[in-house]
Amino acid sequence: MATSSQSSVEPGSNEVKDYICNACEDQNNVVTSADFYCKQCERLYCGNCIDPHGKALAKHTTFGRIEIDKWPVSKKVVDFLQICDVHKDHKIDQFCNLHKQLCCPQCVSDQHRYVLFSC
């Protein structure tokens, strides 16, 4: 998984912002939505930054938003999806077969003590 692919997650927010342009972030510390992913660079680019990239590295394979299924899933998104909705400081790591529900350790302690399977 590419470490440079990132989505921004606002602290204390349930909102996951879309992928951000790595070049804008590196050069100007600006959050700009990415429109392209370069497979060789493992980096994301907005519409303005993809042109210089394409001129300098013409043989690289880039994927636009229409092919977003070829973009890597960012670690921040994966981490965000693993956080318990009820207990924000815990990760989901178990499944309650009785309630058919994913659980964090605190959920287990509070409500799902008897019928659990670890993920």
PDB file of N, CA and C in Angstrom:
ATOM      1  N   MET A   1       0.847  -1.171   0.000  1.00  0.00           N
ATOM      2  CA  MET A   1       0.000   0.000   0.000  1.00  0.00           C
ATOM      3  C   MET A   1       0.889   1.229   0.000  1.00  0.00           C
ATOM      4  N   ALA A   2       0.549   2.191  -0.801  1.00  0.00           N
ATOM      5  CA  ALA A   2       1.339   3.403  -0.910  1.00  0.00           C
ATOM      6  C   ALA A   2       1.135   4.277   0.313  1.00  0.00           C
ATOM      7  N   THR A   3       2.242   4.700   0.899  1.00  0.00           N
ATOM      8  CA  THR A   3       2.124   5.530   2.087  1.00  0.00           C
ATOM      9  C   THR A   3       1.806   6.967   1.732  1.00  0.00           C
ATOM     10  N   SER A   4       2.059   7.360   0.480  1.00  0.00           N
ATOM     11  CA  SER A   4       1.798   8.740   0.106  1.00  0.00           C
ATOM     12  C   SER A   4       0.336   8.993  -0.229  1.00  0.00           C
ATOM     13  N   SER A   5      -0.445   7.947  -0.407  1.00  0.00           N
ATOM     14  CA  SER A   5      -1.865   8.163  -0.670  1.00  0.00           C
ATOM     15  C   SER A   5      -2.556   8.421   0.653  1.00  0.00           C
ATOM     16  N   GLN A   6      -3.205   9.570   0.728  1.00  0.00           N
ATOM     17  CA  GLN A   6      -3.816   9.933   1.998  1.00  0.00           C
ATOM     18  C   GLN A   6      -5.169  10.556   1.787  1.00  0.00           C
ATOM     19  N   SER A   7      -6.031  10.315   2.681  1.00  0.00           N
ATOM     20  CA  SER A   7      -7.267  11.057   2.793  1.00  0.00           C
ATOM     21  C   SER A   7      -7.156  11.785   4.110  1.00  0.00           C
ATOM     22  N   SER A   8      -7.747  12.950   4.189  1.00  0.00           N
ATOM     23  CA  SER A   8      -7.662  13.671   5.445  1.00  0.00           C
ATOM     24  C   SER A   8      -8.894  13.383   6.275  1.00  0.00           C
ATOM     25  N   VAL A   9      -8.668  13.130   7.527  1.00  0.00           N
ATOM     26  CA  VAL A   9      -9.756  12.906   8.479  1.00  0.00           C
ATOM     27  C   VAL A   9      -9.632  14.002   9.521  1.00  0.00           C
ATOM     28  N   GLU A  10     -10.651  14.839   9.608  1.00  0.00           N
ATOM     29  CA  GLU A  10     -10.633  15.914  10.582  1.00  0.00           C
ATOM     30  C   GLU A  10     -10.735  15.340  11.987  1.00  0.00           C
ATOM     31  N   PRO A  11      -9.865  15.750  12.916  1.00  0.00           N
ATOM     32  CA  PRO A  11      -9.961  15.265  14.292  1.00  0.00           C
ATOM     33  C   PRO A  11     -11.336  15.568  14.879  1.00  0.00           C
ATOM     34  N   GLY A  12     -11.929  14.579  15.518  1.00  0.00           N
ATOM     35  CA  GLY A  12     -13.229  14.761  16.142  1.00  0.00           C
ATOM     36  C   GLY A  12     -14.379  14.780  15.166  1.00  0.00           C
ATOM     37  N   SER A  13     -14.126  14.405  13.925  1.00  0.00           N
ATOM     38  CA  SER A  13     -15.159  14.446  12.902  1.00  0.00           C
ATOM     39  C   SER A  13     -15.418  13.049  12.362  1.00  0.00           C
ATOM     40  N   ASN A  14     -16.637  12.808  11.906  1.00  0.00           N
ATOM     41  CA  ASN A  14     -16.956  11.551  11.251  1.00  0.00           C
ATOM     42  C   ASN A  14     -16.746  11.644   9.747  1.00  0.00           C
ATOM     43  N   GLU A  15     -16.336  12.795   9.259  1.00  0.00           N
ATOM     44  CA  GLU A  15     -16.178  13.016   7.831  1.00  0.00           C
ATOM     45  C   GLU A  15     -14.797  12.577   7.363  1.00  0.00           C
ATOM     46  N   VAL A  16     -14.760  11.793   6.292  1.00  0.00           N
ATOM     47  CA  VAL A  16     -13.502  11.417   5.660  1.00  0.00           C
ATOM     48  C   VAL A  16     -13.448  12.182   4.355  1.00  0.00           C
ATOM     49  N   LYS A  17     -12.480  13.064   4.230  1.00  0.00           N
ATOM     50  CA  LYS A  17     -12.345  13.822   2.999  1.00  0.00           C
ATOM     51  C   LYS A  17     -11.725  12.928   1.939  1.00  0.00           C
ATOM     52  N   ASP A  18     -11.930  13.309   0.712  1.00  0.00           N
ATOM     53  CA  ASP A  18     -11.440  12.544  -0.418  1.00  0.00           C
ATOM     54  C   ASP A  18      -9.913  12.590  -0.464  1.00  0.00           C
ATOM     55  N   TYR A  19      -9.337  11.882  -1.413  1.00  0.00           N
ATOM     56  CA  TYR A  19      -7.890  11.887  -1.596  1.00  0.00           C
ATOM     57  C   TYR A  19      -7.383  13.296  -1.862  1.00  0.00           C
ATOM     58  N   ILE A  20      -6.184  13.590  -1.374  1.00  0.00           N
ATOM     59  CA  ILE A  20      -5.614  14.918  -1.555  1.00  0.00           C
ATOM     60  C   ILE A  20      -4.349  14.846  -2.399  1.00  0.00           C
ATOM     61  N   CYS A  21      -4.085  15.926  -3.122  1.00  0.00           N
ATOM     62  CA  CYS A  21      -2.923  16.022  -4.005  1.00  0.00           C
ATOM     63  C   CYS A  21      -1.655  16.086  -3.165  1.00  0.00           C
ATOM     64  N   ASN A  22      -0.756  15.113  -3.380  1.00  0.00           N
ATOM     65  CA  ASN A  22       0.494  15.080  -2.628  1.00  0.00           C
ATOM     66  C   ASN A  22       1.416  16.232  -3.009  1.00  0.00           C
ATOM     67  N   ALA A  23       1.417  16.629  -4.290  1.00  0.00           N
ATOM     68  CA  ALA A  23       2.297  17.715  -4.744  1.00  0.00           C
ATOM     69  C   ALA A  23       1.884  19.045  -4.117  1.00  0.00           C
ATOM     70  N   CYS A  24       0.588  19.348  -4.108  1.00  0.00           N
ATOM     71  CA  CYS A  24       0.113  20.598  -3.476  1.00  0.00           C
ATOM     72  C   CYS A  24       0.435  20.599  -1.987  1.00  0.00           C
ATOM     73  N   GLU A  25       0.232  19.471  -1.367  1.00  0.00           N
ATOM     74  CA  GLU A  25       0.497  19.363   0.069  1.00  0.00           C
ATOM     75  C   GLU A  25       1.987  19.558   0.356  1.00  0.00           C
ATOM     76  N   ASP A  26       2.843  18.954  -0.454  1.00  0.00           N
ATOM     77  CA  ASP A  26       4.296  19.061  -0.260  1.00  0.00           C
ATOM     78  C   ASP A  26       4.815  20.469  -0.533  1.00  0.00           C
ATOM     79  N   GLN A  27       4.345  21.077  -1.628  1.00  0.00           N
ATOM     80  CA  GLN A  27       4.882  22.369  -2.051  1.00  0.00           C
ATOM     81  C   GLN A  27       4.306  23.541  -1.265  1.00  0.00           C
ATOM     82  N   ASN A  28       3.010  23.517  -1.031  1.00  0.00           N
ATOM     83  CA  ASN A  28       2.350  24.689  -0.448  1.00  0.00           C
ATOM     84  C   ASN A  28       1.623  24.411   0.856  1.00  0.00           C
ATOM     85  N   ASN A  29       1.676  23.165   1.303  1.00  0.00           N
ATOM     86  CA  ASN A  29       0.929  22.740   2.475  1.00  0.00           C
ATOM     87  C   ASN A  29      -0.563  23.074   2.321  1.00  0.00           C
ATOM     88  N   VAL A  30      -1.066  22.841   1.091  1.00  0.00           N
ATOM     89  CA  VAL A  30      -2.454  23.130   0.743  1.00  0.00           C
ATOM     90  C   VAL A  30      -3.189  21.812   0.509  1.00  0.00           C
ATOM     91  N   VAL A  31      -4.422  21.729   0.973  1.00  0.00           N
ATOM     92  CA  VAL A  31      -5.238  20.537   0.765  1.00  0.00           C
ATOM     93  C   VAL A  31      -6.075  20.751  -0.494  1.00  0.00           C
ATOM     94  N   THR A  32      -5.697  20.029  -1.569  1.00  0.00           N
ATOM     95  CA  THR A  32      -6.397  20.091  -2.844  1.00  0.00           C
ATOM     96  C   THR A  32      -6.826  18.680  -3.208  1.00  0.00           C
ATOM     97  N   SER A  33      -8.034  18.535  -3.670  1.00  0.00           N
ATOM     98  CA  SER A  33      -8.553  17.218  -4.035  1.00  0.00           C
ATOM     99  C   SER A  33      -7.741  16.637  -5.202  1.00  0.00           C
ATOM    100  N   ALA A  34      -7.373  15.373  -5.084  1.00  0.00           N
ATOM    101  CA  ALA A  34      -6.610  14.698  -6.144  1.00  0.00           C
ATOM    102  C   ALA A  34      -7.547  14.192  -7.230  1.00  0.00           C
ATOM    103  N   ASP A  35      -7.087  14.270  -8.473  1.00  0.00           N
ATOM    104  CA  ASP A  35      -7.847  13.789  -9.615  1.00  0.00           C
ATOM    105  C   ASP A  35      -7.169  12.628 -10.318  1.00  0.00           C
ATOM    106  N   PHE A  36      -5.885  12.394  -9.986  1.00  0.00           N
ATOM    107  CA  PHE A  36      -5.102  11.352 -10.646  1.00  0.00           C
ATOM    108  C   PHE A  36      -4.209  10.642  -9.640  1.00  0.00           C
ATOM    109  N   TYR A  37      -3.914   9.383  -9.923  1.00  0.00           N
ATOM    110  CA  TYR A  37      -2.978   8.584  -9.143  1.00  0.00           C
ATOM    111  C   TYR A  37      -1.924   8.044 -10.097  1.00  0.00           C
ATOM    112  N   CYS A  38      -0.644   8.201  -9.767  1.00  0.00           N
ATOM    113  CA  CYS A  38       0.450   7.661 -10.571  1.00  0.00           C
ATOM    114  C   CYS A  38       0.924   6.367  -9.934  1.00  0.00           C
ATOM    115  N   LYS A  39       0.851   5.308 -10.693  1.00  0.00           N
ATOM    116  CA  LYS A  39       1.215   3.980 -10.196  1.00  0.00           C
ATOM    117  C   LYS A  39       2.706   3.893  -9.862  1.00  0.00           C
ATOM    118  N   GLN A  40       3.555   4.446 -10.718  1.00  0.00           N
ATOM    119  CA  GLN A  40       4.997   4.363 -10.492  1.00  0.00           C
ATOM    120  C   GLN A  40       5.449   5.237  -9.321  1.00  0.00           C
ATOM    121  N   CYS A  41       4.935   6.439  -9.241  1.00  0.00           N
ATOM    122  CA  CYS A  41       5.312   7.353  -8.151  1.00  0.00           C
ATOM    123  C   CYS A  41       4.605   7.010  -6.840  1.00  0.00           C
ATOM    124  N   GLU A  42       3.473   6.297  -6.944  1.00  0.00           N
ATOM    125  CA  GLU A  42       2.614   6.030  -5.800  1.00  0.00           C
ATOM    126  C   GLU A  42       2.220   7.339  -5.121  1.00  0.00           C
ATOM    127  N   ARG A  43       1.820   8.305  -5.974  1.00  0.00           N
ATOM    128  CA  ARG A  43       1.427   9.626  -5.483  1.00  0.00           C
ATOM    129  C   ARG A  43       0.163  10.073  -6.184  1.00  0.00           C
ATOM    130  N   LEU A  44      -0.536  11.000  -5.541  1.00  0.00           N
ATOM    131  CA  LEU A  44      -1.777  11.559  -6.054  1.00  0.00           C
ATOM    132  C   LEU A  44      -1.535  12.978  -6.542  1.00  0.00           C
ATOM    133  N   TYR A  45      -2.258  13.361  -7.612  1.00  0.00           N
ATOM    134  CA  TYR A  45      -2.074  14.675  -8.222  1.00  0.00           C
ATOM    135  C   TYR A  45      -3.423  15.304  -8.549  1.00  0.00           C
ATOM    136  N   CYS A  46      -3.510  16.620  -8.397  1.00  0.00           N
ATOM    137  CA  CYS A  46      -4.695  17.356  -8.832  1.00  0.00           C
ATOM    138  C   CYS A  46      -4.547  17.651 -10.327  1.00  0.00           C
ATOM    139  N   GLY A  47      -5.563  18.264 -10.921  1.00  0.00           N
ATOM    140  CA  GLY A  47      -5.522  18.585 -12.350  1.00  0.00           C
ATOM    141  C   GLY A  47      -4.378  19.510 -12.725  1.00  0.00           C
ATOM    142  N   ASN A  48      -3.999  20.432 -11.832  1.00  0.00           N
ATOM    143  CA  ASN A  48      -2.899  21.352 -12.121  1.00  0.00           C
ATOM    144  C   ASN A  48      -1.535  20.684 -12.024  1.00  0.00           C
ATOM    145  N   CYS A  49      -1.370  19.774 -11.104  1.00  0.00           N
ATOM    146  CA  CYS A  49      -0.063  19.147 -10.875  1.00  0.00           C
ATOM    147  C   CYS A  49       0.211  17.959 -11.800  1.00  0.00           C
ATOM    148  N   ILE A  50      -0.820  17.396 -12.391  1.00  0.00           N
ATOM    149  CA  ILE A  50      -0.611  16.232 -13.252  1.00  0.00           C
ATOM    150  C   ILE A  50       0.102  16.622 -14.547  1.00  0.00           C
ATOM    151  N   ASP A  51      -0.113  17.844 -15.039  1.00  0.00           N
ATOM    152  CA  ASP A  51       0.527  18.262 -16.290  1.00  0.00           C
ATOM    153  C   ASP A  51       2.051  18.283 -16.190  1.00  0.00           C
ATOM    154  N   PRO A  52       2.640  18.951 -15.189  1.00  0.00           N
ATOM    155  CA  PRO A  52       4.105  18.903 -15.062  1.00  0.00           C
ATOM    156  C   PRO A  52       4.613  17.471 -14.845  1.00  0.00           C
ATOM    157  N   HIS A  53       3.873  16.684 -14.082  1.00  0.00           N
ATOM    158  CA  HIS A  53       4.252  15.289 -13.854  1.00  0.00           C
ATOM    159  C   HIS A  53       4.264  14.534 -15.181  1.00  0.00           C
ATOM    160  N   GLY A  54       3.223  14.710 -15.990  1.00  0.00           N
ATOM    161  CA  GLY A  54       3.110  14.018 -17.269  1.00  0.00           C
ATOM    162  C   GLY A  54       4.199  14.409 -18.249  1.00  0.00           C
ATOM    163  N   LYS A  55       4.606  15.667 -18.223  1.00  0.00           N
ATOM    164  CA  LYS A  55       5.670  16.134 -19.123  1.00  0.00           C
ATOM    165  C   LYS A  55       7.020  15.562 -18.706  1.00  0.00           C
ATOM    166  N   ALA A  56       7.271  15.517 -17.417  1.00  0.00           N
ATOM    167  CA  ALA A  56       8.554  15.014 -16.919  1.00  0.00           C
ATOM    168  C   ALA A  56       8.622  13.489 -16.936  1.00  0.00           C
ATOM    169  N   LEU A  57       7.519  12.846 -16.702  1.00  0.00           N
ATOM    170  CA  LEU A  57       7.497  11.385 -16.559  1.00  0.00           C
ATOM    171  C   LEU A  57       6.418  10.788 -17.470  1.00  0.00           C
ATOM    172  N   ALA A  58       6.572  10.998 -18.753  1.00  0.00           N
ATOM    173  CA  ALA A  58       5.539  10.631 -19.737  1.00  0.00           C
ATOM    174  C   ALA A  58       5.233   9.138 -19.779  1.00  0.00           C
ATOM    175  N   LYS A  59       6.168   8.301 -19.404  1.00  0.00           N
ATOM    176  CA  LYS A  59       5.940   6.851 -19.477  1.00  0.00           C
ATOM    177  C   LYS A  59       5.251   6.285 -18.245  1.00  0.00           C
ATOM    178  N   HIS A  60       4.985   7.121 -17.265  1.00  0.00           N
ATOM    179  CA  HIS A  60       4.291   6.646 -16.063  1.00  0.00           C
ATOM    180  C   HIS A  60       2.816   6.392 -16.368  1.00  0.00           C
ATOM    181  N   THR A  61       2.252   5.433 -15.666  1.00  0.00           N
ATOM    182  CA  THR A  61       0.843   5.100 -15.810  1.00  0.00           C
ATOM    183  C   THR A  61       0.048   5.852 -14.757  1.00  0.00           C
ATOM    184  N   THR A  62      -0.897   6.678 -15.223  1.00  0.00           N
ATOM    185  CA  THR A  62      -1.744   7.411 -14.289  1.00  0.00           C
ATOM    186  C   THR A  62      -3.193   6.982 -14.473  1.00  0.00           C
ATOM    187  N   PHE A  63      -3.929   7.030 -13.372  1.00  0.00           N
ATOM    188  CA  PHE A  63      -5.336   6.668 -13.377  1.00  0.00           C
ATOM    189  C   PHE A  63      -6.139   7.859 -12.873  1.00  0.00           C
ATOM    190  N   GLY A  64      -7.156   8.251 -13.622  1.00  0.00           N
ATOM    191  CA  GLY A  64      -8.050   9.329 -13.219  1.00  0.00           C
ATOM    192  C   GLY A  64      -9.133   8.804 -12.295  1.00  0.00           C
ATOM    193  N   ARG A  65     -10.022   9.680 -11.912  1.00  0.00           N
ATOM    194  CA  ARG A  65     -11.108   9.303 -10.999  1.00  0.00           C
ATOM    195  C   ARG A  65     -12.029   8.240 -11.594  1.00  0.00           C
ATOM    196  N   ILE A  66     -12.133   8.199 -12.898  1.00  0.00           N
ATOM    197  CA  ILE A  66     -12.984   7.186 -13.527  1.00  0.00           C
ATOM    198  C   ILE A  66     -12.441   5.773 -13.251  1.00  0.00           C
ATOM    199  N   GLU A  67     -11.156   5.693 -12.930  1.00  0.00           N
ATOM    200  CA  GLU A  67     -10.512   4.415 -12.596  1.00  0.00           C
ATOM    201  C   GLU A  67     -10.068   4.392 -11.134  1.00  0.00           C
ATOM    202  N   ILE A  68     -10.831   5.022 -10.260  1.00  0.00           N
ATOM    203  CA  ILE A  68     -10.456   5.139  -8.850  1.00  0.00           C
ATOM    204  C   ILE A  68     -10.326   3.779  -8.171  1.00  0.00           C
ATOM    205  N   ASP A  69     -10.935   2.757  -8.752  1.00  0.00           N
ATOM    206  CA  ASP A  69     -10.794   1.408  -8.195  1.00  0.00           C
ATOM    207  C   ASP A  69      -9.359   0.903  -8.306  1.00  0.00           C
ATOM    208  N   LYS A  70      -8.513   1.564  -9.082  1.00  0.00           N
ATOM    209  CA  LYS A  70      -7.105   1.188  -9.213  1.00  0.00           C
ATOM    210  C   LYS A  70      -6.208   1.997  -8.276  1.00  0.00           C
ATOM    211  N   TRP A  71      -6.805   2.939  -7.562  1.00  0.00           N
ATOM    212  CA  TRP A  71      -6.056   3.728  -6.581  1.00  0.00           C
ATOM    213  C   TRP A  71      -5.930   2.908  -5.302  1.00  0.00           C
ATOM    214  N   PRO A  72      -4.854   3.076  -4.549  1.00  0.00           N
ATOM    215  CA  PRO A  72      -4.735   2.356  -3.268  1.00  0.00           C
ATOM    216  C   PRO A  72      -5.664   2.948  -2.217  1.00  0.00           C
ATOM    217  N   VAL A  73      -6.054   2.135  -1.269  1.00  0.00           N
ATOM    218  CA  VAL A  73      -6.833   2.622  -0.135  1.00  0.00           C
ATOM    219  C   VAL A  73      -5.838   3.206   0.863  1.00  0.00           C
ATOM    220  N   SER A  74      -6.107   4.394   1.302  1.00  0.00           N
ATOM    221  CA  SER A  74      -5.168   5.035   2.215  1.00  0.00           C
ATOM    222  C   SER A  74      -5.257   4.432   3.615  1.00  0.00           C
ATOM    223  N   LYS A  75      -4.131   4.434   4.312  1.00  0.00           N
ATOM    224  CA  LYS A  75      -4.083   3.911   5.679  1.00  0.00           C
ATOM    225  C   LYS A  75      -5.017   4.698   6.591  1.00  0.00           C
ATOM    226  N   LYS A  76      -5.118   6.007   6.390  1.00  0.00           N
ATOM    227  CA  LYS A  76      -5.997   6.826   7.224  1.00  0.00           C
ATOM    228  C   LYS A  76      -7.455   6.424   7.052  1.00  0.00           C
ATOM    229  N   VAL A  77      -7.845   6.078   5.838  1.00  0.00           N
ATOM    230  CA  VAL A  77      -9.223   5.643   5.603  1.00  0.00           C
ATOM    231  C   VAL A  77      -9.458   4.302   6.280  1.00  0.00           C
ATOM    232  N   VAL A  78      -8.509   3.374   6.119  1.00  0.00           N
ATOM    233  CA  VAL A  78      -8.635   2.054   6.749  1.00  0.00           C
ATOM    234  C   VAL A  78      -8.738   2.217   8.266  1.00  0.00           C
ATOM    235  N   ASP A  79      -7.865   3.014   8.847  1.00  0.00           N
ATOM    236  CA  ASP A  79      -7.898   3.254  10.295  1.00  0.00           C
ATOM    237  C   ASP A  79      -9.232   3.862  10.722  1.00  0.00           C
ATOM    238  N   PHE A  80      -9.721   4.832   9.945  1.00  0.00           N
ATOM    239  CA  PHE A  80     -10.992   5.481  10.259  1.00  0.00           C
ATOM    240  C   PHE A  80     -12.134   4.467  10.272  1.00  0.00           C
ATOM    241  N   LEU A  81     -12.139   3.564   9.306  1.00  0.00           N
ATOM    242  CA  LEU A  81     -13.214   2.573   9.205  1.00  0.00           C
ATOM    243  C   LEU A  81     -13.162   1.534  10.316  1.00  0.00           C
ATOM    244  N   GLN A  82     -12.006   1.391  10.959  1.00  0.00           N
ATOM    245  CA  GLN A  82     -11.874   0.410  12.026  1.00  0.00           C
ATOM    246  C   GLN A  82     -12.199   0.989  13.405  1.00  0.00           C
ATOM    247  N   ILE A  83     -12.478   2.270  13.502  1.00  0.00           N
ATOM    248  CA  ILE A  83     -12.792   2.906  14.784  1.00  0.00           C
ATOM    249  C   ILE A  83     -14.239   2.613  15.155  1.00  0.00           C
ATOM    250  N   CYS A  84     -14.455   2.279  16.404  1.00  0.00           N
ATOM    251  CA  CYS A  84     -15.803   2.009  16.919  1.00  0.00           C
ATOM    252  C   CYS A  84     -16.640   3.289  16.868  1.00  0.00           C
ATOM    253  N   ASP A  85     -17.876   3.168  16.391  1.00  0.00           N
ATOM    254  CA  ASP A  85     -18.774   4.323  16.325  1.00  0.00           C
ATOM    255  C   ASP A  85     -19.145   4.849  17.701  1.00  0.00           C
ATOM    256  N   VAL A  86     -19.207   3.964  18.687  1.00  0.00           N
ATOM    257  CA  VAL A  86     -19.620   4.345  20.037  1.00  0.00           C
ATOM    258  C   VAL A  86     -18.428   4.768  20.886  1.00  0.00           C
ATOM    259  N   HIS A  87     -17.340   4.010  20.810  1.00  0.00           N
ATOM    260  CA  HIS A  87     -16.147   4.264  21.621  1.00  0.00           C
ATOM    261  C   HIS A  87     -15.005   4.684  20.699  1.00  0.00           C
ATOM    262  N   LYS A  88     -14.899   5.969  20.441  1.00  0.00           N
ATOM    263  CA  LYS A  88     -13.986   6.523  19.434  1.00  0.00           C
ATOM    264  C   LYS A  88     -12.511   6.219  19.699  1.00  0.00           C
ATOM    265  N   ASP A  89     -12.155   5.860  20.913  1.00  0.00           N
ATOM    266  CA  ASP A  89     -10.756   5.579  21.226  1.00  0.00           C
ATOM    267  C   ASP A  89     -10.432   4.083  21.137  1.00  0.00           C
ATOM    268  N   HIS A  90     -11.372   3.282  20.591  1.00  0.00           N
ATOM    269  CA  HIS A  90     -11.151   1.840  20.447  1.00  0.00           C
ATOM    270  C   HIS A  90     -11.333   1.401  19.000  1.00  0.00           C
ATOM    271  N   LYS A  91     -10.540   0.402  18.602  1.00  0.00           N
ATOM    272  CA  LYS A  91     -10.692  -0.181  17.269  1.00  0.00           C
ATOM    273  C   LYS A  91     -11.582  -1.410  17.341  1.00  0.00           C
ATOM    274  N   ILE A  92     -12.348  -1.601  16.289  1.00  0.00           N
ATOM    275  CA  ILE A  92     -13.204  -2.777  16.169  1.00  0.00           C
ATOM    276  C   ILE A  92     -12.315  -3.986  15.887  1.00  0.00           C
ATOM    277  N   ASP A  93     -12.464  -5.029  16.695  1.00  0.00           N
ATOM    278  CA  ASP A  93     -11.635  -6.216  16.485  1.00  0.00           C
ATOM    279  C   ASP A  93     -12.365  -7.536  16.754  1.00  0.00           C
ATOM    280  N   GLN A  94     -13.673  -7.464  17.001  1.00  0.00           N
ATOM    281  CA  GLN A  94     -14.435  -8.681  17.278  1.00  0.00           C
ATOM    282  C   GLN A  94     -15.817  -8.598  16.636  1.00  0.00           C
ATOM    283  N   PHE A  95     -16.474  -9.752  16.560  1.00  0.00           N
ATOM    284  CA  PHE A  95     -17.812  -9.827  15.982  1.00  0.00           C
ATOM    285  C   PHE A  95     -18.726 -10.587  16.932  1.00  0.00           C
ATOM    286  N   CYS A  96     -19.874 -10.006  17.259  1.00  0.00           N
ATOM    287  CA  CYS A  96     -20.860 -10.662  18.107  1.00  0.00           C
ATOM    288  C   CYS A  96     -21.811 -11.435  17.202  1.00  0.00           C
ATOM    289  N   ASN A  97     -21.780 -12.738  17.308  1.00  0.00           N
ATOM    290  CA  ASN A  97     -22.614 -13.601  16.474  1.00  0.00           C
ATOM    291  C   ASN A  97     -24.095 -13.474  16.843  1.00  0.00           C
ATOM    292  N   LEU A  98     -24.389 -13.274  18.099  1.00  0.00           N
ATOM    293  CA  LEU A  98     -25.766 -13.151  18.550  1.00  0.00           C
ATOM    294  C   LEU A  98     -26.428 -11.886  17.996  1.00  0.00           C
ATOM    295  N   HIS A  99     -25.715 -10.761  18.081  1.00  0.00           N
ATOM    296  CA  HIS A  99     -26.252  -9.484  17.625  1.00  0.00           C
ATOM    297  C   HIS A  99     -25.874  -9.157  16.183  1.00  0.00           C
ATOM    298  N   LYS A 100     -25.023  -9.990  15.572  1.00  0.00           N
ATOM    299  CA  LYS A 100     -24.544  -9.752  14.194  1.00  0.00           C
ATOM    300  C   LYS A 100     -23.966  -8.347  14.074  1.00  0.00           C
ATOM    301  N   GLN A 101     -23.002  -8.068  14.960  1.00  0.00           N
ATOM    302  CA  GLN A 101     -22.470  -6.715  15.061  1.00  0.00           C
ATOM    303  C   GLN A 101     -20.969  -6.751  15.328  1.00  0.00           C
ATOM    304  N   LEU A 102     -20.237  -5.833  14.690  1.00  0.00           N
ATOM    305  CA  LEU A 102     -18.827  -5.662  14.978  1.00  0.00           C
ATOM    306  C   LEU A 102     -18.680  -4.940  16.306  1.00  0.00           C
ATOM    307  N   CYS A 103     -17.624  -5.285  17.064  1.00  0.00           N
ATOM    308  CA  CYS A 103     -17.468  -4.745  18.415  1.00  0.00           C
ATOM    309  C   CYS A 103     -16.021  -4.360  18.702  1.00  0.00           C
ATOM    310  N   CYS A 104     -15.862  -3.389  19.562  1.00  0.00           N
ATOM    311  CA  CYS A 104     -14.552  -3.052  20.124  1.00  0.00           C
ATOM    312  C   CYS A 104     -14.484  -3.696  21.514  1.00  0.00           C
ATOM    313  N   PRO A 105     -13.326  -3.679  22.163  1.00  0.00           N
ATOM    314  CA  PRO A 105     -13.228  -4.274  23.501  1.00  0.00           C
ATOM    315  C   PRO A 105     -14.207  -3.677  24.519  1.00  0.00           C
ATOM    316  N   GLN A 106     -14.475  -2.388  24.439  1.00  0.00           N
ATOM    317  CA  GLN A 106     -15.412  -1.761  25.368  1.00  0.00           C
ATOM    318  C   GLN A 106     -16.844  -2.216  25.112  1.00  0.00           C
ATOM    319  N   CYS A 107     -17.220  -2.369  23.828  1.00  0.00           N
ATOM    320  CA  CYS A 107     -18.555  -2.900  23.492  1.00  0.00           C
ATOM    321  C   CYS A 107     -18.718  -4.305  24.054  1.00  0.00           C
ATOM    322  N   VAL A 108     -17.655  -5.091  23.953  1.00  0.00           N
ATOM    323  CA  VAL A 108     -17.689  -6.459  24.475  1.00  0.00           C
ATOM    324  C   VAL A 108     -17.965  -6.418  25.966  1.00  0.00           C
ATOM    325  N   SER A 109     -17.243  -5.581  26.660  1.00  0.00           N
ATOM    326  CA  SER A 109     -17.404  -5.466  28.100  1.00  0.00           C
ATOM    327  C   SER A 109     -18.806  -4.983  28.481  1.00  0.00           C
ATOM    328  N   ASP A 110     -19.335  -4.048  27.706  1.00  0.00           N
ATOM    329  CA  ASP A 110     -20.628  -3.442  28.028  1.00  0.00           C
ATOM    330  C   ASP A 110     -21.828  -4.293  27.613  1.00  0.00           C
ATOM    331  N   GLN A 111     -21.757  -4.944  26.438  1.00  0.00           N
ATOM    332  CA  GLN A 111     -22.969  -5.539  25.889  1.00  0.00           C
ATOM    333  C   GLN A 111     -22.831  -6.940  25.275  1.00  0.00           C
ATOM    334  N   HIS A 112     -21.638  -7.388  24.975  1.00  0.00           N
ATOM    335  CA  HIS A 112     -21.495  -8.611  24.182  1.00  0.00           C
ATOM    336  C   HIS A 112     -20.547  -9.616  24.836  1.00  0.00           C
ATOM    337  N   ARG A 113     -20.727  -9.901  26.067  1.00  0.00           N
ATOM    338  CA  ARG A 113     -19.762 -10.714  26.822  1.00  0.00           C
ATOM    339  C   ARG A 113     -19.735 -12.191  26.431  1.00  0.00           C
ATOM    340  N   TYR A 114     -20.814 -12.737  25.890  1.00  0.00           N
ATOM    341  CA  TYR A 114     -20.905 -14.188  25.817  1.00  0.00           C
ATOM    342  C   TYR A 114     -20.711 -14.804  24.434  1.00  0.00           C
ATOM    343  N   VAL A 115     -21.145 -14.174  23.384  1.00  0.00           N
ATOM    344  CA  VAL A 115     -21.097 -14.810  22.066  1.00  0.00           C
ATOM    345  C   VAL A 115     -20.246 -13.967  21.129  1.00  0.00           C
ATOM    346  N   LEU A 116     -18.938 -14.186  21.142  1.00  0.00           N
ATOM    347  CA  LEU A 116     -18.022 -13.376  20.346  1.00  0.00           C
ATOM    348  C   LEU A 116     -17.089 -14.223  19.512  1.00  0.00           C
ATOM    349  N   PHE A 117     -16.689 -13.652  18.398  1.00  0.00           N
ATOM    350  CA  PHE A 117     -15.640 -14.213  17.562  1.00  0.00           C
ATOM    351  C   PHE A 117     -14.675 -13.090  17.255  1.00  0.00           C
ATOM    352  N   SER A 118     -13.378 -13.344  17.375  1.00  0.00           N
ATOM    353  CA  SER A 118     -12.386 -12.320  17.022  1.00  0.00           C
ATOM    354  C   SER A 118     -12.299 -12.199  15.514  1.00  0.00           C
ATOM    355  N   CYS A 119     -12.067 -10.970  15.087  1.00  0.00           N
ATOM    356  CA  CYS A 119     -11.913 -10.712  13.654  1.00  0.00           C
ATOM    357  C   CYS A 119     -10.558 -11.202  13.181  1.00  0.00           C
TER     358      CYS A 119
END
